[in-house]
Amino acid sequence: MPKIAELIAEKAAKNEEWISYEYFPPRSEQGVANLEARFDRMREFAEPLFVDMTWGAGGSTSTLTLDLTLKLKALGLEPNMHLTCTNVAKEDVVSALEACKAADVRNIVALRGDPPIGQEKWEAIEGGFTCALDLVRFIRAEHGDFFNLSVAGYPEGHPDVIVEVESVGELSESEKARCRVTDDGKVFVCRDEQFEAELAYLKAKVDAGADVVITQMFFDVGTYAAFVQACRQTGIMCPVVPGIMLLQAAAGFKKMTAFCKTRVPPALAAKVEELAGDDAALKAFGISYGVDMCNQLRAVNAPGLHFYTLNLEKSTLAIIDTLGLSNAAATNAADEDQKKKYHASTEKNPGLVTFAALAVLVIAVVFSMRSNVRP
C-alpha cells in the first residue's frame, strides 16, 4: 500500500487539496460497532487521504488499535497507526510492527505517548524505549524504509516544557505569540531557548527517518505558520500537517486545552465562555471557527487538513462540506468545470452546436422511418 508522504507529494504535484481523520479505540463493543459504521459514513461523505488510529496510554488499547487498523485497511482506507513507547515492552512494539508488516500496513505514527491513566509522569520501563526518537531509530534499523513514519510537532512547545512565568511583560515577542494565559491570570509559555531545543529534537527525529510531521492542536493559525517557518529555518523540510481540533463542548474544550497547555486566543476564550450554557450555539460557533481556521490554513499553504474527530462526525463533516471538500462538492465542481469547458468551446466554434443539433435530428428521423416500416 502507498506511503502517506508519497500520497501528500502526489496531491501537491496536482495542486489538489485533501483531508484526513483521526479516531481513537472506543471502550465498549457498542462503541466499536458505532465507530466502524462511522468509518463508512465519513468516507462516503468525504474521502480521506489517510486515517489515524490512536494507541491508548501505556499501550492500553494496543490489540483493539491493531484490529481497527486492519478494519480500515479492509474498507480500502489508508490507515496510519499510532505506536507509542510509554510503558510498552520492546517485544510488544516488535510484535505490533510485525503484524502491520504482515498486513501491508505501511504507515506508522511514532510517539512517546502519555503516561497511563492514574500516573502523572512518564517513566521508561526496563529495556524499553525512552522517547519517540528511539522508536524512529529502532523502526528504521529493523525495517528499513518499509514504513512511512509520522511524528508529532508542537507549535507552542511540548506541554512538558511549557512553564509558568510571572507575567507576559517579561516575555519576548515570539514567546508572547505562543503563551497561554488562564482564566485566573496565570501565564504559561515554552521559553525561546527550550523552543529551540524542541525544534532540534524534531529535526533529529526527521534526520533519523521521519517522513511527515503532524502537529498538536492549536487555535491560532499564526502560531502554526510561525512553527512551519521555524521548522524550515531549522532544516526540517518534510510536510508539516496541521492537526485541527474541533470545538464541541465548553467543558471538554477547557479540560483539553488545560491538559495540553494550549494557547487560546482571548476572543475565542470569551466566546466559549459566552456560549457555555448553549451547546447548540457553541457547536455552530465551533463549525464557523473551524471553517475560518481551515481557510486561513489554505492561505498559508498548509499541505492538507488533519481532523481530530474525537470519534464524532457532524461538526467535522459540516466544516468539510462548507469548505467544498466533500465528495458531493467535488462532483459538482467537476460538472461545473465540464460545463464551462463546453460553453467555452461552443463560443469559439458556434458551428459545432448547429452541426451537433442537425446530426441528432437526422438520426431521430431515420429511426422514426425505420420503426414505421412493417416487416
Protein backbone atom coordinates (compact mmCIF):
# COMPACT_ATOMS: atom_id res chain seq x y z
CA MET A 1 0.00 0.00 0.00
CA PRO A 2 1.19 3.58 -0.58
CA LYS A 3 3.05 5.68 1.94
CA ILE A 4 1.50 8.87 3.25
CA ALA A 5 4.45 11.06 2.26
CA GLU A 6 4.07 9.80 -1.31
CA LEU A 7 0.33 10.48 -1.28
CA ILE A 8 0.92 14.01 0.02
CA ALA A 9 3.54 14.62 -2.68
CA GLU A 10 1.13 13.41 -5.38
CA LYS A 11 -1.56 15.79 -4.15
CA ALA A 12 0.91 18.67 -4.05
CA ALA A 13 2.07 17.95 -7.60
CA LYS A 14 -1.55 18.10 -8.81
CA ASN A 15 -2.34 21.12 -6.61
CA GLU A 16 -5.18 19.12 -5.02
CA GLU A 17 -6.50 19.65 -1.50
CA TRP A 18 -7.01 16.77 0.90
CA ILE A 19 -8.36 15.91 4.32
CA SER A 20 -7.63 13.14 6.83
CA TYR A 21 -9.23 11.88 10.04
CA GLU A 22 -8.11 10.67 13.45
CA TYR A 23 -10.12 8.22 15.58
CA PHE A 24 -9.46 6.51 18.91
CA PRO A 25 -10.44 2.98 20.05
CA PRO A 26 -13.78 3.07 21.94
CA ARG A 27 -14.17 1.46 25.36
CA SER A 28 -17.21 -0.71 24.62
CA GLU A 29 -18.29 -3.21 21.98
CA GLN A 30 -21.18 -0.96 21.02
CA GLY A 31 -18.76 1.94 20.71
CA VAL A 32 -16.61 -0.13 18.35
CA ALA A 33 -19.65 -1.02 16.24
CA ASN A 34 -20.66 2.64 16.10
CA LEU A 35 -17.16 3.69 15.08
CA GLU A 36 -16.96 1.10 12.31
CA ALA A 37 -20.26 2.40 10.92
CA ARG A 38 -18.83 5.92 11.15
CA PHE A 39 -15.83 4.87 9.04
CA ASP A 40 -18.22 4.12 6.17
CA ARG A 41 -20.37 7.22 6.57
CA MET A 42 -17.48 9.66 6.78
CA ARG A 43 -15.64 8.00 3.92
CA GLU A 44 -18.81 8.18 1.78
CA PHE A 45 -19.20 11.87 2.61
CA ALA A 46 -15.56 12.88 2.13
CA GLU A 47 -12.75 10.51 1.14
CA PRO A 48 -9.75 10.95 3.48
CA LEU A 49 -6.19 10.69 2.23
CA PHE A 50 -5.41 8.63 5.33
CA VAL A 51 -6.92 7.76 8.70
CA ASP A 52 -5.08 7.80 12.05
CA MET A 53 -5.95 5.26 14.74
CA THR A 54 -4.57 6.13 18.17
CA TRP A 55 -2.81 3.83 20.62
CA GLY A 56 -4.07 4.07 24.22
CA ALA A 57 -1.88 5.43 27.01
CA GLY A 58 0.65 2.81 28.06
CA GLY A 59 -0.44 0.55 25.20
CA SER A 60 -3.79 0.01 26.92
CA THR A 61 -5.69 -0.40 23.63
CA SER A 62 -2.95 -1.98 21.52
CA THR A 63 -4.94 -5.05 20.42
CA LEU A 64 -8.04 -3.04 19.55
CA THR A 65 -5.93 -0.40 17.81
CA LEU A 66 -4.46 -3.06 15.55
CA ASP A 67 -7.88 -4.66 14.93
CA LEU A 68 -9.40 -1.32 13.93
CA THR A 69 -6.37 -0.51 11.78
CA LEU A 70 -6.91 -3.74 9.85
CA LYS A 71 -10.62 -2.91 9.56
CA LEU A 72 -9.74 0.44 7.98
CA LYS A 73 -7.47 -1.32 5.50
CA ALA A 74 -10.19 -3.85 4.64
CA LEU A 75 -12.50 -0.94 3.82
CA GLY A 76 -9.96 0.39 1.34
CA LEU A 77 -8.86 3.27 3.55
CA GLU A 78 -5.21 4.12 4.20
CA PRO A 79 -4.58 3.53 7.94
CA ASN A 80 -1.91 5.44 9.83
CA MET A 81 -1.48 3.53 13.08
CA HIS A 82 -0.17 5.24 16.19
CA LEU A 83 2.53 3.38 18.09
CA THR A 84 3.72 4.66 21.46
CA CYS A 85 6.56 3.50 23.68
CA THR A 86 5.32 4.73 27.06
CA ASN A 87 5.23 1.78 29.46
CA VAL A 88 5.29 -0.59 26.49
CA ALA A 89 7.65 -3.55 26.44
CA LYS A 90 10.01 -3.68 23.48
CA GLU A 91 8.68 -7.08 22.45
CA ASP A 92 5.16 -5.62 22.20
CA VAL A 93 6.42 -2.94 19.82
CA VAL A 94 8.21 -5.60 17.78
CA SER A 95 5.04 -7.69 17.64
CA ALA A 96 2.89 -4.73 16.55
CA LEU A 97 5.31 -3.79 13.78
CA GLU A 98 5.48 -7.38 12.53
CA ALA A 99 1.68 -7.58 12.47
CA CYS A 100 1.50 -4.34 10.47
CA LYS A 101 4.13 -5.54 8.03
CA ALA A 102 2.35 -8.87 7.53
CA ALA A 103 -0.88 -6.98 6.74
CA ASP A 104 0.93 -4.49 4.47
CA VAL A 105 0.05 -1.58 6.76
CA ARG A 106 2.87 0.78 5.84
CA ASN A 107 2.09 3.94 7.80
CA ILE A 108 3.01 4.41 11.46
CA VAL A 109 2.88 7.43 13.80
CA ALA A 110 5.86 7.05 16.15
CA LEU A 111 5.17 8.67 19.53
CA ARG A 112 6.41 8.63 23.08
CA GLY A 113 2.83 8.81 24.32
CA ASP A 114 1.10 9.89 27.51
CA PRO A 115 1.51 8.26 30.93
CA PRO A 116 -1.00 5.51 31.74
CA ILE A 117 -4.23 6.61 33.44
CA GLY A 118 -3.57 7.37 37.10
CA GLN A 119 0.13 8.06 36.57
CA GLU A 120 1.22 11.70 36.42
CA LYS A 121 4.69 11.36 34.95
CA TRP A 122 6.06 9.32 32.09
CA GLU A 123 8.55 6.61 33.02
CA ALA A 124 10.52 4.32 30.76
CA ILE A 125 10.36 0.62 31.58
CA GLU A 126 13.47 -1.51 31.82
CA GLY A 127 14.69 -2.48 28.38
CA GLY A 128 12.11 -0.24 26.71
CA PHE A 129 12.30 2.94 24.68
CA THR A 130 12.88 6.31 26.30
CA CYS A 131 11.48 8.63 23.61
CA ALA A 132 9.97 8.84 20.14
CA LEU A 133 13.44 9.34 18.65
CA ASP A 134 14.45 5.92 19.98
CA LEU A 135 11.35 4.43 18.37
CA VAL A 136 12.03 6.05 14.98
CA ARG A 137 15.62 4.83 15.02
CA PHE A 138 14.56 1.32 16.01
CA ILE A 139 11.94 1.06 13.26
CA ARG A 140 14.35 2.27 10.60
CA ALA A 141 17.09 -0.09 11.82
CA GLU A 142 14.78 -3.12 11.88
CA HIS A 143 12.54 -2.43 8.89
CA GLY A 144 14.47 -0.08 6.61
CA ASP A 145 12.18 2.12 4.55
CA PHE A 146 9.17 -0.24 4.60
CA PHE A 147 7.20 2.10 6.86
CA ASN A 148 6.26 5.73 6.38
CA LEU A 149 6.88 7.34 9.77
CA SER A 150 4.96 10.34 11.04
CA VAL A 151 5.98 12.14 14.23
CA ALA A 152 4.40 14.81 16.41
CA GLY A 153 5.25 18.50 16.23
CA TYR A 154 4.31 21.10 18.85
CA PRO A 155 3.74 24.63 17.51
CA GLU A 156 3.65 26.04 21.05
CA GLY A 157 6.21 23.67 22.55
CA HIS A 158 5.68 20.29 24.22
CA PRO A 159 3.45 20.52 27.33
CA ASP A 160 6.29 19.08 29.43
CA VAL A 161 8.43 22.15 28.76
CA ILE A 162 5.72 24.80 29.00
CA VAL A 163 6.32 26.56 32.31
CA GLU A 164 4.61 29.20 34.40
CA VAL A 165 6.14 32.70 34.39
CA GLU A 166 5.44 35.83 36.41
CA SER A 167 3.90 37.97 33.69
CA VAL A 168 3.51 38.49 29.95
CA GLY A 169 5.71 41.57 30.27
CA GLU A 170 8.86 39.50 30.74
CA LEU A 171 8.33 37.55 27.50
CA SER A 172 9.93 38.07 24.10
CA GLU A 173 7.66 38.80 21.15
CA SER A 174 7.84 35.20 19.94
CA GLU A 175 7.05 33.95 23.45
CA LYS A 176 4.05 36.27 23.68
CA ALA A 177 2.71 34.83 20.43
CA ARG A 178 2.57 31.31 21.87
CA CYS A 179 1.92 31.90 25.57
CA ARG A 180 -1.20 30.72 27.39
CA VAL A 181 -2.99 32.99 29.86
CA THR A 182 -5.50 31.17 32.07
CA ASP A 183 -8.81 32.50 33.41
CA ASP A 184 -7.15 33.29 36.73
CA GLY A 185 -4.36 35.28 35.07
CA LYS A 186 -1.56 32.70 35.20
CA VAL A 187 0.88 32.78 32.30
CA PHE A 188 2.43 29.66 30.76
CA VAL A 189 4.92 29.51 27.90
CA CYS A 190 7.68 27.49 26.30
CA ARG A 191 10.66 29.84 26.60
CA ASP A 192 12.66 30.59 23.46
CA GLU A 193 15.70 28.57 24.49
CA GLN A 194 13.59 25.49 25.17
CA PHE A 195 11.60 26.03 21.96
CA GLU A 196 14.86 25.92 20.01
CA ALA A 197 15.72 22.67 21.78
CA GLU A 198 12.30 21.29 20.79
CA LEU A 199 12.98 22.15 17.15
CA ALA A 200 16.40 20.49 17.33
CA TYR A 201 14.77 17.35 18.74
CA LEU A 202 12.16 17.35 15.97
CA LYS A 203 14.92 17.68 13.38
CA ALA A 204 16.68 14.72 14.99
CA LYS A 205 13.51 12.65 14.52
CA VAL A 206 13.30 13.69 10.88
CA ASP A 207 17.00 13.05 10.32
CA ALA A 208 16.54 9.60 11.87
CA GLY A 209 13.89 8.74 9.30
CA ALA A 210 10.58 10.51 10.00
CA ASP A 211 8.76 11.42 6.78
CA VAL A 212 5.89 13.61 7.99
CA VAL A 213 5.19 15.90 10.97
CA ILE A 214 1.62 16.12 12.31
CA THR A 215 1.06 18.96 14.74
CA GLN A 216 -0.54 19.13 18.14
CA MET A 217 -3.80 21.11 18.18
CA PHE A 218 -3.70 24.90 18.05
CA PHE A 219 -6.33 27.62 17.73
CA ASP A 220 -4.28 30.40 16.16
CA VAL A 221 -3.14 29.82 12.57
CA GLY A 222 -0.40 32.40 13.06
CA THR A 223 1.15 30.02 15.59
CA TYR A 224 1.14 27.21 13.03
CA ALA A 225 2.62 29.41 10.30
CA ALA A 226 5.40 30.58 12.63
CA PHE A 227 6.12 26.97 13.58
CA VAL A 228 6.42 25.87 9.94
CA GLN A 229 8.76 28.78 9.24
CA ALA A 230 10.87 27.83 12.27
CA CYS A 231 10.96 24.22 11.05
CA ARG A 232 12.20 25.28 7.63
CA GLN A 233 14.87 27.51 9.17
CA THR A 234 15.98 24.53 11.27
CA GLY A 235 16.27 22.34 8.17
CA ILE A 236 13.05 20.36 8.64
CA MET A 237 11.76 20.20 5.07
CA CYS A 238 9.16 17.40 5.22
CA PRO A 239 5.38 18.11 5.21
CA VAL A 240 4.11 19.72 8.42
CA VAL A 241 0.44 18.74 8.58
CA PRO A 242 -1.83 20.87 10.80
CA GLY A 243 -3.86 18.93 13.37
CA ILE A 244 -7.30 20.53 13.75
CA MET A 245 -9.26 20.07 16.97
CA LEU A 246 -12.95 20.92 16.80
CA LEU A 247 -14.82 22.88 19.41
CA GLN A 248 -17.63 20.59 20.63
CA ALA A 249 -18.44 21.46 24.26
CA ALA A 250 -17.19 24.13 26.66
CA ALA A 251 -16.20 21.76 29.47
CA GLY A 252 -14.32 19.41 27.17
CA PHE A 253 -12.60 22.29 25.40
CA LYS A 254 -11.39 23.81 28.67
CA LYS A 255 -10.22 20.45 30.02
CA MET A 256 -8.31 19.54 26.87
CA THR A 257 -6.65 22.92 26.37
CA ALA A 258 -5.63 22.97 30.04
CA PHE A 259 -4.16 19.46 29.84
CA CYS A 260 -2.19 20.27 26.69
CA LYS A 261 -1.41 23.83 27.87
CA THR A 262 -2.71 25.10 24.55
CA ARG A 263 -2.89 28.82 23.87
CA VAL A 264 -6.48 30.03 23.47
CA PRO A 265 -6.82 33.44 21.78
CA PRO A 266 -8.68 35.89 24.07
CA ALA A 267 -11.56 36.38 21.62
CA LEU A 268 -12.08 32.62 21.37
CA ALA A 269 -11.93 32.17 25.14
CA ALA A 270 -14.53 34.93 25.60
CA LYS A 271 -16.87 33.40 23.02
CA VAL A 272 -16.62 29.94 24.58
CA GLU A 273 -17.46 31.46 27.95
CA GLU A 274 -20.40 33.36 26.46
CA LEU A 275 -21.90 30.24 24.84
CA ALA A 276 -21.00 27.76 27.58
CA GLY A 277 -24.65 27.21 28.52
CA ASP A 278 -25.91 26.68 24.97
CA ASP A 279 -24.49 23.51 23.41
CA ALA A 280 -26.15 24.01 20.03
CA ALA A 281 -24.93 27.58 19.71
CA LEU A 282 -21.42 26.58 20.78
CA LYS A 283 -21.25 23.78 18.20
CA ALA A 284 -22.46 26.15 15.49
CA PHE A 285 -19.80 28.65 16.51
CA GLY A 286 -17.22 25.83 16.58
CA ILE A 287 -18.06 24.95 12.99
CA SER A 288 -17.75 28.58 11.92
CA TYR A 289 -14.44 28.97 13.77
CA GLY A 290 -13.17 25.72 12.24
CA VAL A 291 -14.06 26.84 8.72
CA ASP A 292 -12.28 30.14 9.30
CA MET A 293 -9.17 28.36 10.61
CA CYS A 294 -9.13 25.99 7.64
CA ASN A 295 -9.41 28.86 5.18
CA GLN A 296 -6.51 30.58 6.93
CA LEU A 297 -4.53 27.34 6.71
CA ARG A 298 -5.24 27.22 3.00
CA ALA A 299 -3.94 30.78 2.72
CA VAL A 300 -0.61 29.81 4.31
CA ASN A 301 -0.31 26.75 2.03
CA ALA A 302 -0.78 24.02 4.62
CA PRO A 303 -0.26 20.67 2.85
CA GLY A 304 -3.67 19.33 3.98
CA LEU A 305 -6.19 19.35 6.82
CA HIS A 306 -5.99 16.65 9.50
CA PHE A 307 -9.10 16.50 11.70
CA TYR A 308 -9.05 15.21 15.28
CA THR A 309 -12.63 13.92 15.13
CA LEU A 310 -12.95 12.74 18.76
CA ASN A 311 -14.97 9.90 17.16
CA LEU A 312 -17.68 12.41 16.23
CA GLU A 313 -18.71 13.30 12.71
CA LYS A 314 -21.29 16.07 12.38
CA SER A 315 -19.05 19.07 13.05
CA THR A 316 -16.15 17.65 11.05
CA LEU A 317 -18.32 16.93 8.03
CA ALA A 318 -20.08 20.30 8.28
CA ILE A 319 -16.71 22.04 8.07
CA ILE A 320 -15.55 19.86 5.19
CA ASP A 321 -18.78 20.49 3.28
CA THR A 322 -18.59 24.25 3.83
CA LEU A 323 -15.01 24.20 2.54
CA GLY A 324 -16.21 22.45 -0.63
CA LEU A 325 -14.14 19.33 0.09
CA SER A 326 -16.92 16.75 0.37
CA ASN A 327 -17.31 14.09 -2.32
CA ALA A 328 -20.55 15.75 -3.48
CA ALA A 329 -18.87 19.15 -3.69
CA ALA A 330 -16.04 17.64 -5.74
CA THR A 331 -18.53 16.05 -8.15
CA ASN A 332 -20.44 19.31 -8.53
CA ALA A 333 -17.21 21.20 -9.13
CA ALA A 334 -16.20 18.69 -11.82
CA ASP A 335 -19.61 19.04 -13.50
CA GLU A 336 -19.35 22.82 -13.44
CA ASP A 337 -15.87 22.60 -14.91
CA GLN A 338 -17.16 20.44 -17.77
CA LYS A 339 -20.00 22.90 -18.41
CA LYS A 340 -17.56 25.81 -18.54
CA LYS A 341 -15.32 23.93 -20.99
CA TYR A 342 -18.33 23.10 -23.16
CA HIS A 343 -19.58 26.67 -23.25
CA ALA A 344 -16.08 27.94 -23.93
CA SER A 345 -15.69 25.57 -26.89
CA THR A 346 -19.08 26.48 -28.36
CA GLU A 347 -18.34 30.18 -28.07
CA LYS A 348 -15.15 29.63 -30.07
CA ASN A 349 -16.85 27.27 -32.57
CA PRO A 350 -20.58 28.09 -32.73
CA GLY A 351 -20.91 25.91 -35.84
CA LEU A 352 -20.27 22.84 -33.72
CA VAL A 353 -23.57 23.37 -31.89
CA THR A 354 -25.54 23.66 -35.16
CA PHE A 355 -23.84 20.61 -36.62
CA ALA A 356 -24.45 18.53 -33.48
CA ALA A 357 -28.12 19.52 -33.39
CA LEU A 358 -28.54 18.66 -37.08
CA ALA A 359 -26.89 15.27 -36.57
CA VAL A 360 -29.24 14.45 -33.72
CA LEU A 361 -32.25 15.47 -35.86
CA VAL A 362 -31.16 13.27 -38.80
CA ILE A 363 -30.68 10.25 -36.53
CA ALA A 364 -34.11 10.79 -34.99
CA VAL A 365 -35.81 10.98 -38.42
CA VAL A 366 -34.08 7.85 -39.71
CA PHE A 367 -35.02 5.92 -36.58
CA SER A 368 -38.65 7.06 -36.91
CA MET A 369 -38.85 5.98 -40.57
CA ARG A 370 -37.42 2.54 -39.82
CA SER A 371 -39.79 1.95 -36.94
CA ASN A 372 -42.78 2.63 -39.25
CA VAL A 373 -41.77 0.03 -41.87
CA ARG A 374 -43.82 -3.15 -41.49
CA PRO A 375 -41.93 -6.46 -41.60
